[in-house]
N, C-alpha and C. Protein backbone atom coordinates (compact mmCIF):
# COMPACT_ATOMS: atom_id res chain seq x y z
N MET A 1 0.85 -1.19 0.00
CA MET A 1 0.00 0.00 0.00
C MET A 1 0.89 1.24 0.00
N ASN A 2 0.62 2.19 -0.91
CA ASN A 2 1.46 3.37 -0.98
C ASN A 2 1.19 4.30 0.19
N THR A 3 2.09 5.29 0.36
CA THR A 3 2.01 6.19 1.51
C THR A 3 0.71 6.98 1.53
N LEU A 4 0.28 7.44 0.36
CA LEU A 4 -0.95 8.24 0.28
C LEU A 4 -2.14 7.46 0.82
N LYS A 5 -2.31 6.25 0.35
CA LYS A 5 -3.45 5.44 0.79
C LYS A 5 -3.34 5.09 2.27
N GLN A 6 -2.12 4.81 2.74
CA GLN A 6 -1.94 4.46 4.13
C GLN A 6 -2.28 5.63 5.05
N ASP A 7 -1.86 6.83 4.64
CA ASP A 7 -2.17 8.02 5.44
C ASP A 7 -3.68 8.26 5.50
N LYS A 8 -4.36 8.09 4.39
CA LYS A 8 -5.82 8.25 4.37
C LYS A 8 -6.48 7.25 5.31
N LYS A 9 -6.00 6.02 5.26
CA LYS A 9 -6.56 4.96 6.09
C LYS A 9 -6.28 5.24 7.57
N ASP A 10 -5.05 5.68 7.86
CA ASP A 10 -4.69 5.98 9.25
C ASP A 10 -5.54 7.11 9.82
N CYS A 11 -5.75 8.15 9.01
CA CYS A 11 -6.55 9.29 9.46
C CYS A 11 -7.96 8.86 9.83
N ALA A 12 -8.58 8.10 8.97
CA ALA A 12 -9.95 7.65 9.22
C ALA A 12 -10.02 6.79 10.47
N ARG A 13 -9.05 5.92 10.64
CA ARG A 13 -9.04 5.03 11.80
C ARG A 13 -8.83 5.82 13.10
N LEU A 14 -7.93 6.81 13.07
CA LEU A 14 -7.65 7.59 14.27
C LEU A 14 -8.82 8.50 14.65
N VAL A 15 -9.53 8.99 13.65
CA VAL A 15 -10.74 9.79 13.94
C VAL A 15 -11.76 8.92 14.67
N SER A 16 -11.95 7.71 14.18
CA SER A 16 -12.90 6.79 14.81
C SER A 16 -12.46 6.43 16.22
N ARG A 17 -11.19 6.14 16.39
CA ARG A 17 -10.67 5.80 17.72
C ARG A 17 -10.79 6.98 18.67
N GLY A 18 -10.52 8.18 18.16
CA GLY A 18 -10.60 9.37 18.99
C GLY A 18 -12.01 9.61 19.52
N ASN A 19 -12.99 9.42 18.67
CA ASN A 19 -14.38 9.59 19.09
C ASN A 19 -14.75 8.57 20.17
N LYS A 20 -14.21 7.36 20.04
CA LYS A 20 -14.47 6.34 21.06
C LYS A 20 -13.76 6.70 22.37
N ILE A 21 -12.54 7.23 22.27
CA ILE A 21 -11.80 7.66 23.45
C ILE A 21 -12.61 8.70 24.22
N ARG A 22 -13.14 9.67 23.50
CA ARG A 22 -13.93 10.72 24.14
C ARG A 22 -15.17 10.15 24.82
N SER A 23 -15.85 9.26 24.11
CA SER A 23 -17.05 8.64 24.66
C SER A 23 -16.72 7.80 25.89
N ASP A 24 -15.61 7.07 25.83
CA ASP A 24 -15.20 6.22 26.96
C ASP A 24 -14.87 7.07 28.18
N PHE A 25 -14.22 8.22 27.95
CA PHE A 25 -13.88 9.08 29.08
C PHE A 25 -15.15 9.65 29.72
N GLU A 26 -16.08 10.04 28.88
CA GLU A 26 -17.34 10.58 29.39
C GLU A 26 -18.05 9.55 30.26
N ASN A 27 -18.06 8.30 29.79
CA ASN A 27 -18.69 7.23 30.57
C ASN A 27 -17.91 6.93 31.84
N LEU A 28 -16.59 7.00 31.74
CA LEU A 28 -15.74 6.74 32.90
C LEU A 28 -16.01 7.75 34.01
N VAL A 29 -16.11 9.00 33.64
CA VAL A 29 -16.36 10.06 34.62
C VAL A 29 -17.76 9.91 35.23
N ALA A 30 -18.72 9.54 34.40
CA ALA A 30 -20.10 9.42 34.87
C ALA A 30 -20.27 8.28 35.86
N THR A 31 -19.40 7.27 35.77
CA THR A 31 -19.53 6.09 36.64
C THR A 31 -18.34 5.92 37.56
N ARG A 32 -17.63 7.02 37.82
CA ARG A 32 -16.41 6.92 38.63
C ARG A 32 -16.73 6.45 40.04
N GLY A 33 -15.73 5.82 40.64
CA GLY A 33 -15.87 5.34 42.00
C GLY A 33 -14.49 5.06 42.58
N VAL A 34 -14.45 4.39 43.71
CA VAL A 34 -13.16 4.09 44.36
C VAL A 34 -12.91 2.59 44.45
N SER A 35 -13.69 1.82 43.74
CA SER A 35 -13.54 0.37 43.78
C SER A 35 -12.37 -0.09 42.92
N ARG A 36 -12.01 -1.36 43.07
CA ARG A 36 -10.94 -1.94 42.26
C ARG A 36 -11.34 -1.94 40.78
N GLU A 37 -12.62 -2.21 40.51
CA GLU A 37 -13.09 -2.21 39.12
C GLU A 37 -12.96 -0.83 38.50
N ALA A 38 -13.27 0.22 39.27
CA ALA A 38 -13.14 1.59 38.76
C ALA A 38 -11.69 1.90 38.43
N ALA A 39 -10.78 1.45 39.29
CA ALA A 39 -9.35 1.67 39.06
C ALA A 39 -8.89 0.93 37.81
N GLU A 40 -9.40 -0.27 37.61
CA GLU A 40 -9.03 -1.04 36.43
C GLU A 40 -9.53 -0.37 35.15
N ARG A 41 -10.75 0.19 35.22
CA ARG A 41 -11.29 0.88 34.05
C ARG A 41 -10.45 2.12 33.72
N GLU A 42 -10.01 2.82 34.75
CA GLU A 42 -9.16 3.98 34.51
C GLU A 42 -7.83 3.58 33.88
N ASN A 43 -7.26 2.47 34.36
CA ASN A 43 -6.00 1.99 33.80
C ASN A 43 -6.16 1.58 32.34
N GLU A 44 -7.26 0.93 32.04
CA GLU A 44 -7.53 0.52 30.66
C GLU A 44 -7.72 1.75 29.77
N PHE A 45 -8.43 2.74 30.30
CA PHE A 45 -8.62 3.96 29.52
C PHE A 45 -7.30 4.67 29.29
N ALA A 46 -6.47 4.74 30.33
CA ALA A 46 -5.18 5.41 30.21
C ALA A 46 -4.33 4.76 29.12
N ALA A 47 -4.31 3.44 29.08
CA ALA A 47 -3.52 2.73 28.07
C ALA A 47 -4.07 3.00 26.67
N ALA A 48 -5.40 2.98 26.54
CA ALA A 48 -6.02 3.22 25.23
C ALA A 48 -5.75 4.65 24.77
N TYR A 49 -5.87 5.61 25.69
CA TYR A 49 -5.64 7.01 25.32
C TYR A 49 -4.18 7.23 24.91
N GLN A 50 -3.25 6.72 25.70
CA GLN A 50 -1.83 6.93 25.41
C GLN A 50 -1.45 6.36 24.05
N SER A 51 -2.01 5.20 23.73
CA SER A 51 -1.74 4.59 22.43
C SER A 51 -2.28 5.47 21.31
N TRP A 52 -3.53 5.94 21.48
CA TRP A 52 -4.14 6.81 20.46
C TRP A 52 -3.38 8.12 20.33
N TYR A 53 -3.02 8.71 21.46
CA TYR A 53 -2.31 9.99 21.46
C TYR A 53 -0.98 9.88 20.72
N SER A 54 -0.21 8.86 21.03
CA SER A 54 1.11 8.69 20.40
C SER A 54 0.98 8.50 18.89
N GLU A 55 0.04 7.64 18.48
CA GLU A 55 -0.12 7.38 17.05
C GLU A 55 -0.67 8.60 16.32
N THR A 56 -1.57 9.33 16.97
CA THR A 56 -2.13 10.52 16.34
C THR A 56 -1.07 11.61 16.19
N CYS A 57 -0.19 11.75 17.18
CA CYS A 57 0.92 12.71 17.08
C CYS A 57 1.78 12.40 15.85
N ARG A 58 2.08 11.13 15.66
CA ARG A 58 2.90 10.76 14.50
C ARG A 58 2.17 11.05 13.20
N CYS A 59 0.87 10.77 13.17
CA CYS A 59 0.08 10.99 11.96
C CYS A 59 -0.02 12.48 11.63
N ILE A 60 -0.32 13.30 12.63
CA ILE A 60 -0.42 14.74 12.41
C ILE A 60 0.93 15.31 11.99
N GLY A 61 1.99 14.85 12.64
CA GLY A 61 3.32 15.33 12.30
C GLY A 61 3.71 15.00 10.87
N ARG A 62 3.16 13.93 10.35
CA ARG A 62 3.46 13.50 8.99
C ARG A 62 2.63 14.27 7.97
N ILE A 63 1.35 14.51 8.29
CA ILE A 63 0.41 15.06 7.32
C ILE A 63 0.27 16.57 7.42
N GLN A 64 0.13 17.08 8.63
CA GLN A 64 -0.06 18.52 8.82
C GLN A 64 0.68 18.96 10.09
N PRO A 65 2.00 19.01 10.02
CA PRO A 65 2.83 19.26 11.20
C PRO A 65 2.55 20.57 11.93
N ASP A 66 1.98 21.56 11.24
CA ASP A 66 1.71 22.83 11.90
C ASP A 66 0.60 22.72 12.94
N ARG A 67 -0.14 21.60 12.96
CA ARG A 67 -1.19 21.40 13.97
C ARG A 67 -0.69 20.57 15.16
N LEU A 68 0.53 20.04 15.07
CA LEU A 68 1.01 19.12 16.09
C LEU A 68 1.16 19.77 17.46
N LYS A 69 1.76 20.95 17.53
CA LYS A 69 1.95 21.61 18.83
C LYS A 69 0.61 21.92 19.49
N GLU A 70 -0.35 22.31 18.68
CA GLU A 70 -1.69 22.59 19.20
C GLU A 70 -2.30 21.33 19.82
N PHE A 71 -2.11 20.20 19.14
CA PHE A 71 -2.63 18.93 19.63
C PHE A 71 -1.93 18.52 20.91
N GLU A 72 -0.61 18.61 20.92
CA GLU A 72 0.18 18.20 22.08
C GLU A 72 -0.09 19.07 23.30
N ALA A 73 -0.30 20.38 23.09
CA ALA A 73 -0.50 21.32 24.19
C ALA A 73 -1.72 20.98 25.03
N LEU A 74 -2.69 20.31 24.43
CA LEU A 74 -3.90 19.92 25.17
C LEU A 74 -3.61 18.79 26.16
N TYR A 75 -2.53 18.08 25.91
CA TYR A 75 -2.14 16.97 26.79
C TYR A 75 -1.04 17.38 27.78
N LEU A 76 -0.02 18.05 27.27
CA LEU A 76 1.14 18.39 28.09
C LEU A 76 0.87 19.59 28.99
N ASP A 77 1.53 19.59 30.16
CA ASP A 77 1.40 20.74 31.06
C ASP A 77 2.48 21.76 30.74
N ASP A 78 2.24 22.98 31.13
CA ASP A 78 3.19 24.07 30.93
C ASP A 78 4.13 24.12 32.13
N SER A 79 5.41 23.91 31.88
CA SER A 79 6.39 23.89 32.97
C SER A 79 6.51 25.25 33.66
N LYS A 80 6.05 26.31 32.98
CA LYS A 80 6.18 27.66 33.54
C LYS A 80 4.93 28.11 34.31
N ARG A 81 3.92 27.27 34.36
CA ARG A 81 2.70 27.68 35.06
C ARG A 81 2.96 27.83 36.56
N LYS A 82 2.30 28.79 37.16
CA LYS A 82 2.50 29.08 38.58
C LYS A 82 1.46 28.41 39.47
N ARG A 83 0.35 27.99 38.87
CA ARG A 83 -0.66 27.31 39.65
C ARG A 83 -1.49 26.42 38.73
N ILE A 84 -2.21 25.50 39.34
CA ILE A 84 -3.08 24.60 38.59
C ILE A 84 -4.53 25.02 38.81
N ASP A 85 -5.19 25.39 37.73
CA ASP A 85 -6.60 25.74 37.80
C ASP A 85 -7.27 25.27 36.51
N ARG A 86 -8.51 25.68 36.29
CA ARG A 86 -9.24 25.23 35.10
C ARG A 86 -8.54 25.64 33.81
N ALA A 87 -7.86 26.76 33.83
CA ALA A 87 -7.20 27.27 32.63
C ALA A 87 -5.91 26.53 32.32
N THR A 88 -5.26 25.96 33.35
CA THR A 88 -3.95 25.33 33.14
C THR A 88 -3.96 23.82 33.29
N TYR A 89 -5.05 23.26 33.80
CA TYR A 89 -5.14 21.81 34.01
C TYR A 89 -5.15 21.10 32.65
N THR A 90 -4.39 20.02 32.54
CA THR A 90 -4.27 19.31 31.26
C THR A 90 -4.69 17.84 31.40
N ILE A 91 -4.74 17.20 30.26
CA ILE A 91 -5.08 15.77 30.24
C ILE A 91 -4.03 14.98 31.02
N ARG A 92 -2.78 15.34 30.84
CA ARG A 92 -1.69 14.65 31.55
C ARG A 92 -1.85 14.80 33.07
N ASP A 93 -2.28 15.98 33.52
CA ASP A 93 -2.51 16.18 34.96
C ASP A 93 -3.53 15.19 35.50
N TRP A 94 -4.57 14.94 34.72
CA TRP A 94 -5.62 14.02 35.16
C TRP A 94 -5.06 12.62 35.37
N PHE A 95 -4.21 12.19 34.44
CA PHE A 95 -3.60 10.86 34.58
C PHE A 95 -2.66 10.81 35.78
N LEU A 96 -1.88 11.88 35.97
CA LEU A 96 -0.95 11.91 37.11
C LEU A 96 -1.70 11.91 38.43
N ASP A 97 -2.80 12.66 38.49
CA ASP A 97 -3.60 12.68 39.72
C ASP A 97 -4.21 11.32 40.01
N GLY A 98 -4.45 10.56 38.95
CA GLY A 98 -5.02 9.23 39.12
C GLY A 98 -4.05 8.26 39.77
N ARG A 99 -2.77 8.61 39.76
CA ARG A 99 -1.76 7.75 40.39
C ARG A 99 -1.55 8.08 41.86
N LYS A 100 -2.38 9.00 42.38
CA LYS A 100 -2.25 9.43 43.77
C LYS A 100 -3.57 9.17 44.50
N PRO A 101 -3.95 7.90 44.65
CA PRO A 101 -5.27 7.58 45.21
C PRO A 101 -5.49 8.04 46.65
N VAL A 102 -4.41 8.21 47.40
CA VAL A 102 -4.57 8.61 48.81
C VAL A 102 -4.37 10.11 48.99
N ASN A 103 -4.15 10.80 47.89
CA ASN A 103 -3.95 12.25 47.94
C ASN A 103 -5.30 12.93 47.72
N HIS A 104 -5.83 13.55 48.77
CA HIS A 104 -7.16 14.15 48.67
C HIS A 104 -7.20 15.33 47.70
N SER A 105 -6.11 16.09 47.62
CA SER A 105 -6.06 17.23 46.70
C SER A 105 -6.11 16.74 45.25
N ALA A 106 -5.38 15.65 44.98
CA ALA A 106 -5.38 15.09 43.63
C ALA A 106 -6.76 14.56 43.27
N ALA A 107 -7.40 13.88 44.22
CA ALA A 107 -8.74 13.34 43.97
C ALA A 107 -9.74 14.46 43.71
N GLU A 108 -9.59 15.56 44.44
CA GLU A 108 -10.49 16.69 44.26
C GLU A 108 -10.28 17.34 42.90
N ARG A 109 -9.03 17.44 42.48
CA ARG A 109 -8.73 18.02 41.15
C ARG A 109 -9.33 17.14 40.05
N LYS A 110 -9.18 15.84 40.19
CA LYS A 110 -9.76 14.93 39.19
C LYS A 110 -11.25 15.13 39.07
N ARG A 111 -11.91 15.25 40.21
CA ARG A 111 -13.36 15.42 40.19
C ARG A 111 -13.75 16.78 39.61
N GLU A 112 -13.06 17.82 40.05
CA GLU A 112 -13.41 19.18 39.64
C GLU A 112 -13.09 19.46 38.18
N PHE A 113 -11.99 18.90 37.69
CA PHE A 113 -11.52 19.26 36.36
C PHE A 113 -11.79 18.19 35.29
N SER A 114 -12.62 17.20 35.62
CA SER A 114 -12.95 16.16 34.62
C SER A 114 -13.60 16.78 33.39
N SER A 115 -14.44 17.79 33.60
CA SER A 115 -15.10 18.43 32.46
C SER A 115 -14.09 19.16 31.57
N VAL A 116 -13.02 19.69 32.18
CA VAL A 116 -11.95 20.34 31.42
C VAL A 116 -11.24 19.33 30.54
N VAL A 117 -10.95 18.16 31.12
CA VAL A 117 -10.26 17.11 30.38
C VAL A 117 -11.13 16.60 29.24
N LEU A 118 -12.43 16.43 29.51
CA LEU A 118 -13.35 15.99 28.45
C LEU A 118 -13.35 16.99 27.30
N GLU A 119 -13.37 18.27 27.62
CA GLU A 119 -13.35 19.30 26.59
C GLU A 119 -12.05 19.25 25.79
N LYS A 120 -10.94 19.03 26.46
CA LYS A 120 -9.64 19.01 25.77
C LYS A 120 -9.50 17.77 24.89
N ILE A 121 -10.03 16.64 25.36
CA ILE A 121 -10.02 15.44 24.50
C ILE A 121 -10.89 15.69 23.27
N GLY A 122 -12.02 16.37 23.49
CA GLY A 122 -12.89 16.71 22.36
C GLY A 122 -12.18 17.60 21.36
N LEU A 123 -11.39 18.56 21.85
CA LEU A 123 -10.62 19.43 20.96
C LEU A 123 -9.57 18.64 20.18
N GLN A 124 -8.95 17.68 20.85
CA GLN A 124 -7.99 16.83 20.16
C GLN A 124 -8.67 16.04 19.04
N CYS A 125 -9.88 15.55 19.33
CA CYS A 125 -10.63 14.81 18.31
C CYS A 125 -10.93 15.71 17.12
N ARG A 126 -11.29 16.96 17.38
CA ARG A 126 -11.61 17.88 16.29
C ARG A 126 -10.37 18.22 15.46
N ILE A 127 -9.22 18.32 16.12
CA ILE A 127 -7.98 18.55 15.38
C ILE A 127 -7.70 17.36 14.47
N CYS A 128 -7.87 16.16 15.02
CA CYS A 128 -7.66 14.95 14.23
C CYS A 128 -8.61 14.92 13.03
N GLU A 129 -9.87 15.27 13.26
CA GLU A 129 -10.85 15.31 12.18
C GLU A 129 -10.49 16.36 11.13
N SER A 130 -10.00 17.52 11.59
CA SER A 130 -9.65 18.59 10.65
C SER A 130 -8.47 18.19 9.80
N VAL A 131 -7.53 17.43 10.38
CA VAL A 131 -6.38 16.95 9.60
C VAL A 131 -6.86 15.98 8.54
N ALA A 132 -7.79 15.10 8.90
CA ALA A 132 -8.33 14.15 7.92
C ALA A 132 -9.06 14.89 6.80
N LEU A 133 -9.83 15.91 7.15
CA LEU A 133 -10.55 16.69 6.14
C LEU A 133 -9.58 17.48 5.28
N TRP A 134 -8.55 18.04 5.90
CA TRP A 134 -7.53 18.78 5.13
C TRP A 134 -6.85 17.84 4.16
N PHE A 135 -6.58 16.62 4.62
CA PHE A 135 -5.89 15.66 3.77
C PHE A 135 -6.73 15.32 2.54
N LYS A 136 -8.06 15.16 2.75
CA LYS A 136 -8.95 14.89 1.63
C LYS A 136 -9.09 16.11 0.72
N SER A 137 -9.26 17.28 1.31
CA SER A 137 -9.48 18.48 0.52
C SER A 137 -8.25 18.87 -0.28
N SER A 138 -7.08 18.39 0.15
CA SER A 138 -5.86 18.73 -0.58
C SER A 138 -5.89 18.17 -1.99
N LEU A 139 -6.71 17.14 -2.22
CA LEU A 139 -6.85 16.59 -3.57
C LEU A 139 -7.43 17.62 -4.52
N LEU A 140 -8.19 18.58 -3.98
CA LEU A 140 -8.79 19.60 -4.83
C LEU A 140 -7.74 20.50 -5.47
N ARG A 141 -6.55 20.53 -4.83
CA ARG A 141 -5.50 21.40 -5.34
C ARG A 141 -4.64 20.71 -6.39
N ILE A 142 -4.95 19.45 -6.70
CA ILE A 142 -4.18 18.74 -7.71
C ILE A 142 -4.62 19.22 -9.09
N ASP A 143 -3.69 19.63 -9.90
CA ASP A 143 -4.02 20.13 -11.23
C ASP A 143 -4.58 19.01 -12.09
N ALA A 144 -5.47 19.36 -12.97
CA ALA A 144 -6.13 18.36 -13.81
C ALA A 144 -5.13 17.52 -14.58
N GLY A 145 -3.98 18.08 -14.89
CA GLY A 145 -3.01 17.37 -15.72
C GLY A 145 -2.42 16.15 -15.07
N ILE A 146 -2.47 16.03 -13.74
CA ILE A 146 -1.78 14.90 -13.11
C ILE A 146 -2.51 13.59 -13.36
N ILE A 147 -3.76 13.63 -13.79
CA ILE A 147 -4.44 12.36 -14.01
C ILE A 147 -4.29 11.88 -15.44
N ASP A 148 -3.43 12.52 -16.21
CA ASP A 148 -3.10 12.06 -17.56
C ASP A 148 -2.26 10.79 -17.40
N SER A 149 -2.72 9.69 -17.95
CA SER A 149 -2.02 8.42 -17.77
C SER A 149 -0.61 8.44 -18.32
N SER A 150 -0.32 9.38 -19.22
CA SER A 150 1.03 9.46 -19.78
C SER A 150 2.04 9.88 -18.74
N ASN A 151 1.60 10.44 -17.62
CA ASN A 151 2.51 10.85 -16.55
C ASN A 151 2.94 9.66 -15.70
N GLY A 152 2.36 8.51 -15.96
CA GLY A 152 2.74 7.31 -15.23
C GLY A 152 2.24 7.26 -13.81
N ILE A 153 1.15 7.95 -13.52
CA ILE A 153 0.62 7.97 -12.16
C ILE A 153 0.06 6.60 -11.80
N ASP A 154 0.14 6.24 -10.54
CA ASP A 154 -0.35 4.96 -10.07
C ASP A 154 -1.83 4.78 -10.43
N VAL A 155 -2.16 3.64 -11.04
CA VAL A 155 -3.52 3.40 -11.52
C VAL A 155 -4.53 3.40 -10.38
N ALA A 156 -4.16 2.76 -9.30
CA ALA A 156 -5.08 2.69 -8.16
C ALA A 156 -5.37 4.09 -7.61
N PHE A 157 -4.32 4.91 -7.53
CA PHE A 157 -4.52 6.28 -7.06
C PHE A 157 -5.41 7.04 -8.03
N GLU A 158 -5.19 6.84 -9.33
CA GLU A 158 -5.99 7.54 -10.34
C GLU A 158 -7.46 7.19 -10.17
N GLN A 159 -7.74 5.92 -9.92
CA GLN A 159 -9.13 5.50 -9.76
C GLN A 159 -9.74 6.14 -8.51
N ASP A 160 -8.97 6.18 -7.42
CA ASP A 160 -9.46 6.82 -6.20
C ASP A 160 -9.72 8.30 -6.45
N TYR A 161 -8.82 8.91 -7.20
CA TYR A 161 -8.96 10.34 -7.48
C TYR A 161 -10.23 10.62 -8.27
N ILE A 162 -10.47 9.79 -9.29
CA ILE A 162 -11.65 9.98 -10.12
C ILE A 162 -12.93 9.80 -9.30
N ARG A 163 -12.95 8.77 -8.45
CA ARG A 163 -14.12 8.55 -7.60
C ARG A 163 -14.36 9.74 -6.69
N PHE A 164 -13.27 10.26 -6.13
CA PHE A 164 -13.39 11.42 -5.25
C PHE A 164 -13.90 12.64 -6.00
N MET A 165 -13.31 12.90 -7.18
CA MET A 165 -13.68 14.07 -7.96
C MET A 165 -15.14 13.97 -8.42
N THR A 166 -15.55 12.76 -8.79
CA THR A 166 -16.92 12.58 -9.23
C THR A 166 -17.89 12.86 -8.09
N SER A 167 -17.55 12.36 -6.90
CA SER A 167 -18.39 12.58 -5.74
C SER A 167 -18.49 14.06 -5.41
N VAL A 168 -17.34 14.72 -5.38
CA VAL A 168 -17.32 16.15 -5.08
C VAL A 168 -18.10 16.94 -6.12
N ALA A 169 -17.86 16.60 -7.38
CA ALA A 169 -18.55 17.32 -8.46
C ALA A 169 -20.05 17.13 -8.38
N GLY A 170 -20.47 15.90 -8.10
CA GLY A 170 -21.89 15.63 -8.03
C GLY A 170 -22.59 16.42 -6.94
N ILE A 171 -21.86 16.65 -5.85
CA ILE A 171 -22.46 17.37 -4.72
C ILE A 171 -22.33 18.88 -4.87
N PHE A 172 -21.12 19.32 -5.21
CA PHE A 172 -20.83 20.74 -5.14
C PHE A 172 -20.90 21.49 -6.47
N ILE A 173 -21.06 20.74 -7.56
CA ILE A 173 -21.24 21.41 -8.85
C ILE A 173 -22.67 21.24 -9.33
N ALA A 174 -23.09 19.98 -9.46
CA ALA A 174 -24.44 19.74 -9.97
C ALA A 174 -25.50 20.37 -9.07
N SER A 175 -25.25 20.36 -7.76
CA SER A 175 -26.24 20.92 -6.85
C SER A 175 -26.05 22.41 -6.64
N LYS A 176 -24.98 22.99 -7.21
CA LYS A 176 -24.67 24.41 -7.09
C LYS A 176 -24.31 24.82 -5.65
N GLU A 177 -23.99 23.82 -4.80
CA GLU A 177 -23.59 24.14 -3.44
C GLU A 177 -22.08 23.95 -3.34
N LEU A 178 -21.35 25.04 -3.10
CA LEU A 178 -19.89 24.98 -3.07
C LEU A 178 -19.37 24.96 -1.64
N LEU A 179 -18.14 24.44 -1.50
CA LEU A 179 -17.53 24.36 -0.19
C LEU A 179 -17.19 25.72 0.38
N PHE A 180 -16.89 26.67 -0.44
CA PHE A 180 -16.49 27.99 0.04
C PHE A 180 -16.82 29.03 -1.01
N ASP A 181 -16.77 30.29 -0.59
CA ASP A 181 -17.01 31.40 -1.49
C ASP A 181 -15.69 32.09 -1.80
N GLY A 182 -15.71 32.98 -2.77
CA GLY A 182 -14.52 33.77 -3.06
C GLY A 182 -13.95 33.47 -4.43
N PRO A 183 -12.81 34.09 -4.75
CA PRO A 183 -12.23 33.98 -6.08
C PRO A 183 -11.76 32.58 -6.46
N GLU A 184 -11.52 31.71 -5.44
CA GLU A 184 -11.03 30.37 -5.76
C GLU A 184 -12.15 29.47 -6.28
N THR A 185 -13.38 29.86 -6.05
CA THR A 185 -14.52 29.01 -6.43
C THR A 185 -14.49 28.66 -7.91
N ALA A 186 -14.29 29.66 -8.76
CA ALA A 186 -14.29 29.43 -10.20
C ALA A 186 -13.20 28.45 -10.60
N ARG A 187 -12.01 28.60 -9.99
CA ARG A 187 -10.89 27.71 -10.33
C ARG A 187 -11.17 26.28 -9.91
N VAL A 188 -11.78 26.10 -8.74
CA VAL A 188 -12.11 24.75 -8.29
C VAL A 188 -13.10 24.09 -9.25
N ARG A 189 -14.13 24.84 -9.65
CA ARG A 189 -15.10 24.31 -10.61
C ARG A 189 -14.42 23.94 -11.91
N GLU A 190 -13.50 24.80 -12.34
CA GLU A 190 -12.82 24.57 -13.61
C GLU A 190 -11.96 23.31 -13.55
N VAL A 191 -11.20 23.15 -12.46
CA VAL A 191 -10.35 21.98 -12.31
C VAL A 191 -11.17 20.71 -12.25
N LEU A 192 -12.26 20.74 -11.48
CA LEU A 192 -13.13 19.57 -11.38
C LEU A 192 -13.67 19.15 -12.74
N LEU A 193 -14.22 20.13 -13.45
CA LEU A 193 -14.83 19.81 -14.73
C LEU A 193 -13.81 19.35 -15.76
N GLU A 194 -12.65 20.01 -15.82
CA GLU A 194 -11.61 19.61 -16.77
C GLU A 194 -11.11 18.20 -16.46
N SER A 195 -10.91 17.92 -15.18
CA SER A 195 -10.41 16.61 -14.78
C SER A 195 -11.37 15.51 -15.19
N LEU A 196 -12.65 15.73 -14.92
CA LEU A 196 -13.64 14.72 -15.23
C LEU A 196 -13.89 14.58 -16.72
N GLU A 197 -13.85 15.70 -17.43
CA GLU A 197 -14.07 15.66 -18.87
C GLU A 197 -12.98 14.85 -19.57
N LYS A 198 -11.74 14.94 -19.09
CA LYS A 198 -10.65 14.18 -19.70
C LYS A 198 -10.87 12.68 -19.58
N LYS A 199 -11.66 12.28 -18.58
CA LYS A 199 -11.96 10.87 -18.39
C LYS A 199 -13.33 10.49 -18.95
N GLY A 200 -13.92 11.41 -19.68
CA GLY A 200 -15.20 11.12 -20.30
C GLY A 200 -16.37 11.16 -19.35
N ILE A 201 -16.19 11.84 -18.20
CA ILE A 201 -17.26 11.96 -17.22
C ILE A 201 -17.85 13.35 -17.35
N LEU A 202 -19.09 13.44 -17.78
CA LEU A 202 -19.71 14.74 -17.99
C LEU A 202 -20.76 15.00 -16.92
N ILE A 203 -20.69 16.19 -16.33
CA ILE A 203 -21.65 16.59 -15.31
C ILE A 203 -22.27 17.92 -15.73
N ASP A 204 -23.57 17.98 -15.61
CA ASP A 204 -24.26 19.21 -15.97
C ASP A 204 -23.97 20.28 -14.93
N ALA A 205 -23.17 21.30 -15.29
CA ALA A 205 -22.79 22.36 -14.36
C ALA A 205 -23.66 23.57 -14.57
């Protein structure tokens, strides 16, 4: 599998996993307790989150590195912070507080700031989703000429490209509903139509 297809597959999988992570955390907080089972659920969640976080960092760094620091900042704490409150509490803090079961201050922070952590995990999920959408939308910037078979482009990629362009054209050209407004609109329509016409695909624009 080539890098392009693998990145697309990874993005979709990480978006799905991220949504489950968020849902699992929400359920975990709603049913929290001090039993051994509750502790085991937290440990399982911590392992699942850390795995997702690490893989998503690598994926974002590969596809859209300018979003990586934003994603990481939601997890990592600021070494220069002077106090811990709702504005500075991080996902990492929640996990660290979970390792201090006999510390009443840590337990209180976990309870008080769970909603903050849920919000930050949600933001991480949205960043992951935006990277996946950016990755798909970047195909719109491919010039019509690249799908000329004389360029030796990978056949499988060409087929994926045509399916994508047909889908986009059917929604955003035939229906007259465009993704965005402004001077780029005409160029996007032009590229879509030229690309499809070269493959004998005609859409009433």
